[in-house]
N, C-alpha and C. Protein backbone atom coordinates (compact mmCIF):
# COMPACT_ATOMS: atom_id res chain seq x y z
N UNK A 1 0.83 -1.20 0.00
CA UNK A 1 0.00 0.00 0.00
C UNK A 1 0.87 1.26 0.00
N UNK A 2 1.94 1.22 0.78
CA UNK A 2 2.87 2.35 0.86
C UNK A 2 3.50 2.63 -0.51
N UNK A 3 3.83 1.57 -1.23
CA UNK A 3 4.43 1.72 -2.56
C UNK A 3 3.43 2.39 -3.52
N UNK A 4 2.16 2.00 -3.42
CA UNK A 4 1.13 2.59 -4.28
C UNK A 4 0.98 4.08 -3.98
N UNK A 5 1.02 4.45 -2.71
CA UNK A 5 0.93 5.87 -2.35
C UNK A 5 2.13 6.65 -2.88
N UNK A 6 3.29 6.04 -2.84
CA UNK A 6 4.49 6.69 -3.37
C UNK A 6 4.40 6.85 -4.89
N UNK A 7 3.86 5.83 -5.54
CA UNK A 7 3.67 5.92 -6.99
C UNK A 7 2.68 7.03 -7.34
N UNK A 8 1.59 7.09 -6.58
CA UNK A 8 0.59 8.13 -6.82
C UNK A 8 1.20 9.51 -6.57
N UNK A 9 1.97 9.63 -5.48
CA UNK A 9 2.62 10.92 -5.19
C UNK A 9 3.59 11.29 -6.31
N UNK A 10 4.30 10.31 -6.85
CA UNK A 10 5.21 10.57 -7.97
C UNK A 10 4.47 11.05 -9.21
N UNK A 11 3.33 10.40 -9.48
CA UNK A 11 2.53 10.80 -10.64
C UNK A 11 1.96 12.21 -10.45
N UNK A 12 1.52 12.51 -9.24
CA UNK A 12 0.99 13.84 -8.95
C UNK A 12 2.09 14.90 -9.11
N UNK A 13 3.30 14.58 -8.65
CA UNK A 13 4.42 15.51 -8.83
C UNK A 13 4.73 15.74 -10.30
N UNK A 14 4.69 14.66 -11.08
CA UNK A 14 4.94 14.78 -12.53
C UNK A 14 3.85 15.63 -13.19
N UNK A 15 2.59 15.38 -12.82
CA UNK A 15 1.49 16.16 -13.39
C UNK A 15 1.59 17.63 -12.98
N UNK A 16 2.02 17.88 -11.77
CA UNK A 16 2.18 19.25 -11.30
C UNK A 16 3.26 19.97 -12.11
N UNK A 17 4.37 19.27 -12.38
CA UNK A 17 5.44 19.87 -13.18
C UNK A 17 4.95 20.15 -14.60
N UNK A 18 4.21 19.22 -15.17
CA UNK A 18 3.66 19.42 -16.52
C UNK A 18 2.69 20.60 -16.52
N UNK A 19 1.89 20.72 -15.46
CA UNK A 19 0.96 21.84 -15.36
C UNK A 19 1.70 23.16 -15.30
N UNK A 20 2.83 23.18 -14.60
CA UNK A 20 3.65 24.40 -14.56
C UNK A 20 4.18 24.78 -15.93
N UNK A 21 4.61 23.78 -16.70
CA UNK A 21 5.09 24.05 -18.07
C UNK A 21 3.97 24.61 -18.94
N UNK A 22 2.79 24.03 -18.79
CA UNK A 22 1.63 24.51 -19.57
C UNK A 22 1.29 25.94 -19.17
N UNK A 23 1.34 26.21 -17.88
CA UNK A 23 1.04 27.56 -17.38
C UNK A 23 2.04 28.57 -17.94
N UNK A 24 3.31 28.22 -17.94
CA UNK A 24 4.33 29.12 -18.50
C UNK A 24 4.12 29.33 -20.00
N UNK A 25 3.75 28.28 -20.70
CA UNK A 25 3.47 28.41 -22.13
C UNK A 25 2.29 29.32 -22.39
N UNK A 26 1.26 29.22 -21.57
CA UNK A 26 0.09 30.08 -21.73
C UNK A 26 0.44 31.55 -21.47
N UNK A 27 1.29 31.79 -20.46
CA UNK A 27 1.72 33.16 -20.17
C UNK A 27 2.49 33.72 -21.36
N UNK A 28 3.37 32.90 -21.94
CA UNK A 28 4.16 33.34 -23.10
C UNK A 28 3.25 33.63 -24.29
N UNK A 29 2.27 32.77 -24.53
CA UNK A 29 1.33 32.99 -25.63
C UNK A 29 0.52 34.26 -25.42
N UNK A 30 0.12 34.52 -24.19
CA UNK A 30 -0.63 35.74 -23.88
C UNK A 30 0.20 36.98 -24.18
N UNK A 31 1.49 36.94 -23.80
CA UNK A 31 2.37 38.08 -24.06
C UNK A 31 2.56 38.29 -25.56
N UNK A 32 2.73 37.21 -26.31
CA UNK A 32 2.88 37.32 -27.76
C UNK A 32 1.61 37.87 -28.40
N UNK A 33 0.45 37.43 -27.89
CA UNK A 33 -0.82 37.93 -28.41
C UNK A 33 -0.94 39.44 -28.17
N UNK A 34 -0.58 39.88 -26.97
CA UNK A 34 -0.66 41.31 -26.66
C UNK A 34 0.28 42.11 -27.55
N UNK A 35 1.48 41.58 -27.79
CA UNK A 35 2.45 42.25 -28.66
C UNK A 35 1.90 42.33 -30.08
N UNK A 36 1.37 41.21 -30.59
CA UNK A 36 0.81 41.19 -31.94
C UNK A 36 -0.40 42.12 -32.06
N UNK A 37 -1.22 42.15 -31.02
CA UNK A 37 -2.40 43.02 -31.03
C UNK A 37 -1.98 44.49 -31.14
N UNK A 38 -0.92 44.85 -30.40
CA UNK A 38 -0.40 46.21 -30.49
C UNK A 38 0.11 46.53 -31.88
N UNK A 39 0.81 45.57 -32.49
CA UNK A 39 1.32 45.78 -33.85
C UNK A 39 0.19 45.91 -34.86
N UNK A 40 -0.83 45.10 -34.70
CA UNK A 40 -1.97 45.17 -35.62
C UNK A 40 -2.67 46.53 -35.50
N UNK A 41 -2.78 47.04 -34.28
CA UNK A 41 -3.39 48.35 -34.08
C UNK A 41 -2.57 49.44 -34.77
N UNK A 42 -1.25 49.36 -34.65
CA UNK A 42 -0.38 50.33 -35.32
C UNK A 42 -0.51 50.25 -36.83
N UNK A 43 -0.59 49.04 -37.36
CA UNK A 43 -0.72 48.84 -38.81
C UNK A 43 -2.06 49.40 -39.28
N UNK A 44 -3.12 49.15 -38.53
CA UNK A 44 -4.45 49.67 -38.92
C UNK A 44 -4.44 51.19 -38.93
N UNK A 45 -3.79 51.80 -37.96
CA UNK A 45 -3.70 53.26 -37.92
C UNK A 45 -2.93 53.78 -39.12
N UNK A 46 -1.83 53.11 -39.45
CA UNK A 46 -1.03 53.53 -40.60
C UNK A 46 -1.83 53.40 -41.90
N UNK A 47 -2.59 52.33 -42.02
CA UNK A 47 -3.42 52.14 -43.23
C UNK A 47 -4.47 53.25 -43.33
N UNK A 48 -5.07 53.61 -42.22
CA UNK A 48 -6.05 54.70 -42.24
C UNK A 48 -5.41 56.01 -42.67
N UNK A 49 -4.19 56.27 -42.19
CA UNK A 49 -3.48 57.49 -42.57
C UNK A 49 -3.14 57.48 -44.06
N UNK A 50 -2.70 56.34 -44.57
CA UNK A 50 -2.39 56.23 -46.00
C UNK A 50 -3.65 56.42 -46.82
N UNK A 51 -4.74 55.83 -46.37
CA UNK A 51 -6.01 55.98 -47.08
C UNK A 51 -6.44 57.45 -47.13
N UNK A 52 -6.31 58.14 -46.01
CA UNK A 52 -6.67 59.57 -45.97
C UNK A 52 -5.78 60.37 -46.90
N UNK A 53 -4.50 60.03 -46.95
CA UNK A 53 -3.56 60.72 -47.84
C UNK A 53 -3.95 60.50 -49.29
N UNK A 54 -4.31 59.25 -49.65
CA UNK A 54 -4.73 58.97 -51.02
C UNK A 54 -6.00 59.73 -51.38
N UNK A 55 -6.90 59.87 -50.43
CA UNK A 55 -8.12 60.64 -50.69
C UNK A 55 -7.78 62.11 -50.95
N UNK A 56 -6.84 62.65 -50.19
CA UNK A 56 -6.41 64.03 -50.41
C UNK A 56 -5.75 64.18 -51.77
N UNK A 57 -4.90 63.23 -52.13
CA UNK A 57 -4.24 63.26 -53.44
C UNK A 57 -5.28 63.19 -54.55
N UNK A 58 -6.25 62.32 -54.38
CA UNK A 58 -7.31 62.18 -55.39
C UNK A 58 -8.08 63.49 -55.55
N UNK A 59 -8.36 64.15 -54.45
CA UNK A 59 -9.07 65.43 -54.52
C UNK A 59 -8.22 66.47 -55.24
N UNK A 60 -6.92 66.50 -54.97
CA UNK A 60 -6.04 67.46 -55.65
C UNK A 60 -5.94 67.15 -57.15
N UNK A 61 -5.85 65.88 -57.48
CA UNK A 61 -5.78 65.49 -58.89
C UNK A 61 -7.07 65.90 -59.61
N UNK A 62 -8.19 65.69 -58.95
CA UNK A 62 -9.47 66.09 -59.54
C UNK A 62 -9.51 67.61 -59.75
N UNK A 63 -9.03 68.35 -58.76
CA UNK A 63 -9.00 69.81 -58.86
C UNK A 63 -8.10 70.24 -60.03
N UNK A 64 -6.92 69.65 -60.14
CA UNK A 64 -6.00 69.99 -61.24
C UNK A 64 -6.62 69.61 -62.58
N UNK A 65 -7.30 68.48 -62.62
CA UNK A 65 -7.95 68.05 -63.86
C UNK A 65 -9.02 69.05 -64.29
N UNK A 66 -9.80 69.53 -63.34
CA UNK A 66 -10.83 70.52 -63.66
C UNK A 66 -10.21 71.82 -64.16
N UNK A 67 -9.12 72.24 -63.51
CA UNK A 67 -8.43 73.46 -63.95
C UNK A 67 -7.87 73.28 -65.35
N UNK A 68 -7.32 72.09 -65.61
CA UNK A 68 -6.76 71.80 -66.93
C UNK A 68 -7.85 71.85 -68.00
N UNK A 69 -8.99 71.26 -67.71
CA UNK A 69 -10.10 71.29 -68.67
C UNK A 69 -10.57 72.71 -68.90
N UNK A 70 -10.61 73.50 -67.83
CA UNK A 70 -11.03 74.89 -67.96
C UNK A 70 -10.04 75.66 -68.84
N UNK A 71 -8.74 75.47 -68.60
CA UNK A 71 -7.74 76.15 -69.42
C UNK A 71 -7.79 75.69 -70.88
N UNK A 72 -8.03 74.41 -71.10
CA UNK A 72 -8.14 73.90 -72.45
C UNK A 72 -9.34 74.52 -73.16
N UNK A 73 -10.44 74.65 -72.42
CA UNK A 73 -11.63 75.27 -73.01
C UNK A 73 -11.38 76.72 -73.34
N UNK A 74 -10.66 77.44 -72.50
CA UNK A 74 -10.33 78.84 -72.76
C UNK A 74 -9.42 78.98 -73.97
N UNK A 75 -8.50 78.05 -74.10
CA UNK A 75 -7.56 78.10 -75.24
C UNK A 75 -8.26 77.88 -76.56
N UNK A 76 -9.29 77.08 -76.57
CA UNK A 76 -9.97 76.74 -77.82
C UNK A 76 -11.08 77.71 -78.18
N UNK A 77 -11.25 78.77 -77.43
CA UNK A 77 -12.28 79.76 -77.77
C UNK A 77 -11.84 80.67 -78.87
């Protein structure tokens, strides 16, 4: 009976050590997730800024195009 209790205690110790490894792995995964989440937020912000810049460029191109058409019309009068 004593041997069985020692075996059980050994198995419990092994399971406890494995649980500690799993816990450490989960902490590491959580940290990586938080880091990646921060990077994704920065990328999304950068994409929004680029999109806004392209919209401004498009508006300027449209304005220049209208001015060009107006000048062309004046030239052909």
